[in-house]
């Protein structure tokens, strides 16, 4: 009998379908995780008025927080309501932040990408810089406005991986060229998060944590983009697959950081 694969929860966002609202997640997030982490996937709607994050968390072996066209609302990290540039998806904010807390309480792994990386920072008490590309920044973190999808994800910059960190050990390198398609980033790092990668301008690009034995790894870039041609991205999802099966992104001992 074939063993059942672990179940990975994948966050959805609100979108529009004609005159109606819809729940959606781009295929590449789901398919990359299913293929390279060798997991089954369960899509989690951004519907906190109808479903508590804890209703679903206990049924998951792990969680992936996806990227999104929407930005976290400023009030989620203590700034003035209405500050920043949308689109916003406050239901996604509430569901994602609740899921992070629930998975930590259960001691189950979390992997986060782009918006998900920012959600992790906020969940740990951090704040966001809403204009990481403004002059005189040394690194441009997003392609020029109006370019197509291929050109947008072709925009890259290097990141330096923390020597001896989870990413450096898992990927077997200390420098990586990554795609960069974000307008927001870390302003104040959340308490208990360890820096795993930094851009040349000093912006934090990846973090890890171990809270209540829940392993957490979050990256600002998009490993789900063209994963089939990127060995480092394949290795990242393989790290997730190990964590889903009770292994680890790296050593995670009792009593390490808390949220």
Protein backbone atom coordinates (compact mmCIF):
# COMPACT_ATOMS: atom_id res chain seq x y z
CA UNK A 1 0.00 0.00 0.00
CA UNK A 2 1.38 3.42 -0.97
CA UNK A 3 2.08 5.69 2.00
CA UNK A 4 0.04 8.87 2.17
CA UNK A 5 1.97 12.03 1.47
CA UNK A 6 2.01 14.83 4.07
CA UNK A 7 -0.65 17.53 3.68
CA UNK A 8 0.58 21.08 3.14
CA UNK A 9 -1.85 23.94 3.73
CA UNK A 10 -1.52 26.70 1.09
CA UNK A 11 -2.96 30.16 1.68
CA UNK A 12 -5.37 31.74 -0.79
CA UNK A 13 -6.24 35.37 -1.47
CA UNK A 14 -9.32 37.28 -2.54
CA UNK A 15 -9.54 38.08 -6.24
CA UNK A 16 -12.34 39.13 -8.56
CA UNK A 17 -14.15 37.00 -11.11
CA UNK A 18 -16.36 39.34 -13.07
CA UNK A 19 -18.67 40.96 -10.53
CA UNK A 20 -17.99 38.30 -7.91
CA UNK A 21 -15.24 37.79 -5.37
CA UNK A 22 -13.21 34.59 -5.64
CA UNK A 23 -10.60 32.67 -3.67
CA UNK A 24 -7.43 31.96 -5.60
CA UNK A 25 -3.77 31.00 -5.49
CA UNK A 26 -1.47 30.94 -8.51
CA UNK A 27 -0.78 27.40 -9.74
CA UNK A 28 2.99 27.71 -9.51
CA UNK A 29 2.96 27.88 -5.69
CA UNK A 30 0.81 24.78 -5.34
CA UNK A 31 2.45 22.71 -8.07
CA UNK A 32 6.04 23.53 -7.05
CA UNK A 33 5.34 22.45 -3.48
CA UNK A 34 3.48 19.31 -4.53
CA UNK A 35 6.22 18.28 -6.94
CA UNK A 36 9.47 19.30 -5.20
CA UNK A 37 8.38 18.84 -1.57
CA UNK A 38 6.45 15.70 -2.57
CA UNK A 39 3.35 16.82 -0.68
CA UNK A 40 -0.40 16.86 -1.08
CA UNK A 41 -1.95 20.32 -0.92
CA UNK A 42 -5.00 21.77 0.81
CA UNK A 43 -6.04 25.29 -0.20
CA UNK A 44 -7.05 27.53 2.70
CA UNK A 45 -9.55 30.30 1.87
CA UNK A 46 -9.10 33.81 3.23
CA UNK A 47 -12.45 33.66 5.01
CA UNK A 48 -11.86 34.36 8.72
CA UNK A 49 -15.50 35.29 9.24
CA UNK A 50 -16.52 31.72 8.31
CA UNK A 51 -13.55 29.64 9.44
CA UNK A 52 -11.06 29.93 12.27
CA UNK A 53 -7.42 29.23 11.41
CA UNK A 54 -7.49 26.65 14.18
CA UNK A 55 -10.31 24.79 12.43
CA UNK A 56 -7.87 23.69 9.76
CA UNK A 57 -4.40 23.91 11.35
CA UNK A 58 -4.70 20.64 13.28
CA UNK A 59 -5.38 18.81 10.01
CA UNK A 60 -2.18 20.03 8.35
CA UNK A 61 1.34 18.63 8.44
CA UNK A 62 2.72 22.05 7.50
CA UNK A 63 1.84 25.44 6.04
CA UNK A 64 3.01 27.48 3.05
CA UNK A 65 2.29 31.21 3.05
CA UNK A 66 2.23 32.34 -0.58
CA UNK A 67 3.03 35.56 -2.35
CA UNK A 68 0.21 37.80 -3.53
CA UNK A 69 -0.50 40.97 -5.53
CA UNK A 70 -1.90 42.46 -2.29
CA UNK A 71 0.04 44.14 0.51
CA UNK A 72 -0.33 43.70 4.25
CA UNK A 73 -2.47 46.48 5.71
CA UNK A 74 -0.45 48.91 7.83
CA UNK A 75 -2.64 48.47 10.91
CA UNK A 76 -1.57 44.81 11.10
CA UNK A 77 1.85 45.98 12.30
CA UNK A 78 0.75 49.03 14.29
CA UNK A 79 0.93 51.81 11.68
CA UNK A 80 -1.87 54.19 10.84
CA UNK A 81 -4.88 52.52 9.18
CA UNK A 82 -5.00 53.45 5.53
CA UNK A 83 -1.27 54.07 5.23
CA UNK A 84 0.57 52.52 2.33
CA UNK A 85 -0.42 51.52 -1.18
CA UNK A 86 -2.85 48.71 -1.96
CA UNK A 87 -4.37 46.56 -3.07
CA UNK A 88 -5.04 45.22 0.43
CA UNK A 89 -6.62 41.93 1.50
CA UNK A 90 -7.40 42.20 5.20
CA UNK A 91 -9.10 38.81 5.27
CA UNK A 92 -5.86 37.27 4.02
CA UNK A 93 -3.97 39.23 6.70
CA UNK A 94 -6.20 37.89 9.46
CA UNK A 95 -6.20 34.30 8.22
CA UNK A 96 -2.45 34.14 7.60
CA UNK A 97 -1.45 35.69 10.92
CA UNK A 98 -3.88 33.38 12.72
CA UNK A 99 -2.51 30.34 10.90
CA UNK A 100 1.06 31.23 11.90
CA UNK A 101 0.04 31.35 15.56
CA UNK A 102 -1.94 28.11 15.28
CA UNK A 103 0.86 26.17 13.57
CA UNK A 104 3.38 27.38 16.13
CA UNK A 105 1.09 26.23 18.93
CA UNK A 106 0.95 22.81 17.26
CA UNK A 107 4.70 22.70 16.63
CA UNK A 108 4.33 22.25 12.86
CA UNK A 109 6.55 23.66 10.10
CA UNK A 110 5.92 26.85 8.14
CA UNK A 111 7.47 27.87 4.81
CA UNK A 112 6.78 31.40 3.55
CA UNK A 113 7.35 33.24 0.26
CA UNK A 114 7.32 37.02 -0.46
CA UNK A 115 4.09 38.32 1.14
CA UNK A 116 4.25 35.28 3.39
CA UNK A 117 7.79 36.32 4.45
CA UNK A 118 6.38 39.71 5.43
CA UNK A 119 3.50 38.06 7.31
CA UNK A 120 6.00 36.05 9.33
CA UNK A 121 7.92 39.19 10.28
CA UNK A 122 4.69 40.88 11.39
CA UNK A 123 3.53 37.80 13.32
CA UNK A 124 6.76 37.98 15.34
CA UNK A 125 6.22 41.66 16.15
CA UNK A 126 8.19 43.19 13.30
CA UNK A 127 7.22 46.06 11.01
CA UNK A 128 7.44 46.71 7.26
CA UNK A 129 9.08 49.35 5.10
CA UNK A 130 6.47 50.14 2.44
CA UNK A 131 8.90 51.71 -0.06
CA UNK A 132 12.07 49.64 -0.29
CA UNK A 133 12.78 50.91 -3.82
CA UNK A 134 12.82 54.63 -3.11
CA UNK A 135 16.04 56.58 -3.83
CA UNK A 136 18.82 56.48 -2.75
CA UNK A 137 18.45 52.71 -2.25
CA UNK A 138 21.43 50.81 -3.64
CA UNK A 139 19.37 47.85 -4.88
CA UNK A 140 16.19 47.91 -6.94
CA UNK A 141 13.89 45.21 -5.57
CA UNK A 142 11.32 45.27 -8.38
CA UNK A 143 11.46 45.45 -12.17
CA UNK A 144 10.23 48.65 -13.87
CA UNK A 145 6.47 49.16 -13.94
CA UNK A 146 4.62 47.83 -16.96
CA UNK A 147 6.95 44.99 -17.98
CA UNK A 148 5.59 41.52 -18.68
CA UNK A 149 5.67 38.62 -16.27
CA UNK A 150 8.81 37.02 -17.72
CA UNK A 151 10.74 40.30 -17.55
CA UNK A 152 9.44 40.99 -14.04
CA UNK A 153 10.74 37.68 -12.70
CA UNK A 154 13.98 38.02 -14.67
CA UNK A 155 14.83 40.95 -12.39
CA UNK A 156 17.47 39.63 -9.97
CA UNK A 157 19.99 40.68 -7.36
CA UNK A 158 22.38 38.69 -5.16
CA UNK A 159 21.82 37.85 -1.52
CA UNK A 160 24.46 36.86 1.00
CA UNK A 161 23.51 33.85 3.11
CA UNK A 162 24.40 33.81 6.79
CA UNK A 163 27.45 31.55 7.21
CA UNK A 164 26.44 28.38 9.03
CA UNK A 165 22.76 29.28 8.79
CA UNK A 166 19.91 27.04 7.70
CA UNK A 167 19.93 28.29 4.11
CA UNK A 168 23.71 28.26 3.73
CA UNK A 169 23.85 24.67 4.96
CA UNK A 170 20.77 23.50 3.07
CA UNK A 171 21.77 25.08 -0.24
CA UNK A 172 25.51 24.52 0.11
CA UNK A 173 26.52 28.10 -0.70
CA UNK A 174 26.92 31.52 0.90
CA UNK A 175 25.75 33.67 -2.03
CA UNK A 176 22.72 33.32 -4.26
CA UNK A 177 21.17 35.28 -7.13
CA UNK A 178 17.43 35.60 -6.53
CA UNK A 179 14.46 37.07 -8.39
CA UNK A 180 13.13 40.22 -6.75
CA UNK A 181 9.58 41.51 -7.31
CA UNK A 182 8.59 43.24 -4.08
CA UNK A 183 7.81 46.83 -3.05
CA UNK A 184 7.68 46.19 0.72
CA UNK A 185 10.23 44.64 3.04
CA UNK A 186 11.42 44.37 6.61
CA UNK A 187 11.80 47.60 8.55
CA UNK A 188 12.12 46.20 12.09
CA UNK A 189 12.92 42.52 12.37
CA UNK A 190 10.52 40.46 14.46
CA UNK A 191 11.74 39.22 17.85
CA UNK A 192 13.02 35.64 17.74
CA UNK A 193 13.71 35.62 13.99
CA UNK A 194 17.21 34.74 12.78
CA UNK A 195 18.50 36.42 9.62
CA UNK A 196 19.29 33.87 6.89
CA UNK A 197 19.98 36.17 3.92
CA UNK A 198 20.66 39.86 3.29
CA UNK A 199 20.67 41.91 0.07
CA UNK A 200 23.67 44.14 -0.76
CA UNK A 201 21.73 47.18 0.57
CA UNK A 202 21.27 45.48 3.95
CA UNK A 203 17.62 44.53 3.47
CA UNK A 204 16.76 41.23 5.18
CA UNK A 205 15.74 38.69 2.52
CA UNK A 206 15.26 35.46 4.50
CA UNK A 207 14.63 34.48 8.11
CA UNK A 208 14.22 31.36 10.21
CA UNK A 209 12.94 30.52 13.66
CA UNK A 210 12.12 27.63 15.91
CA UNK A 211 9.17 28.42 18.17
CA UNK A 212 7.52 25.75 20.34
CA UNK A 213 9.39 23.23 18.14
CA UNK A 214 7.65 24.67 15.08
CA UNK A 215 10.27 25.16 12.39
CA UNK A 216 9.92 28.23 10.22
CA UNK A 217 11.74 29.33 7.08
CA UNK A 218 10.76 32.40 5.05
CA UNK A 219 12.24 33.97 1.91
CA UNK A 220 11.45 37.27 0.22
CA UNK A 221 12.07 35.91 -3.28
CA UNK A 222 10.05 33.43 -5.37
CA UNK A 223 11.49 29.88 -5.46
CA UNK A 224 8.24 28.66 -7.03
CA UNK A 225 9.05 30.58 -10.25
CA UNK A 226 10.56 28.24 -12.88
CA UNK A 227 11.56 25.79 -10.15
CA UNK A 228 12.27 23.12 -12.75
CA UNK A 229 15.28 25.13 -14.01
CA UNK A 230 16.62 26.30 -10.63
CA UNK A 231 18.52 23.79 -8.49
CA UNK A 232 18.54 26.05 -5.42
CA UNK A 233 14.77 26.42 -5.55
CA UNK A 234 14.37 22.65 -5.86
CA UNK A 235 16.55 22.23 -2.78
CA UNK A 236 14.45 24.75 -0.84
CA UNK A 237 11.29 22.76 -1.50
CA UNK A 238 13.12 19.53 -0.67
CA UNK A 239 13.98 21.10 2.70
CA UNK A 240 10.27 21.75 3.17
CA UNK A 241 9.50 18.16 2.27
CA UNK A 242 11.87 16.90 4.97
CA UNK A 243 10.26 19.17 7.56
CA UNK A 244 6.77 17.95 6.60
CA UNK A 245 7.91 14.40 7.29
CA UNK A 246 9.15 15.15 10.78
CA UNK A 247 12.71 15.98 9.78
CA UNK A 248 14.06 19.48 9.94
CA UNK A 249 15.08 22.49 7.89
CA UNK A 250 18.03 22.30 10.30
CA UNK A 251 18.52 21.46 14.00
CA UNK A 252 15.55 22.61 16.08
CA UNK A 253 15.96 21.93 19.76
CA UNK A 254 13.48 22.12 22.61
CA UNK A 255 13.46 25.57 24.14
CA UNK A 256 14.64 27.52 21.07
CA UNK A 257 12.91 30.83 20.23
CA UNK A 258 9.27 31.66 20.90
CA UNK A 259 6.86 33.87 19.04
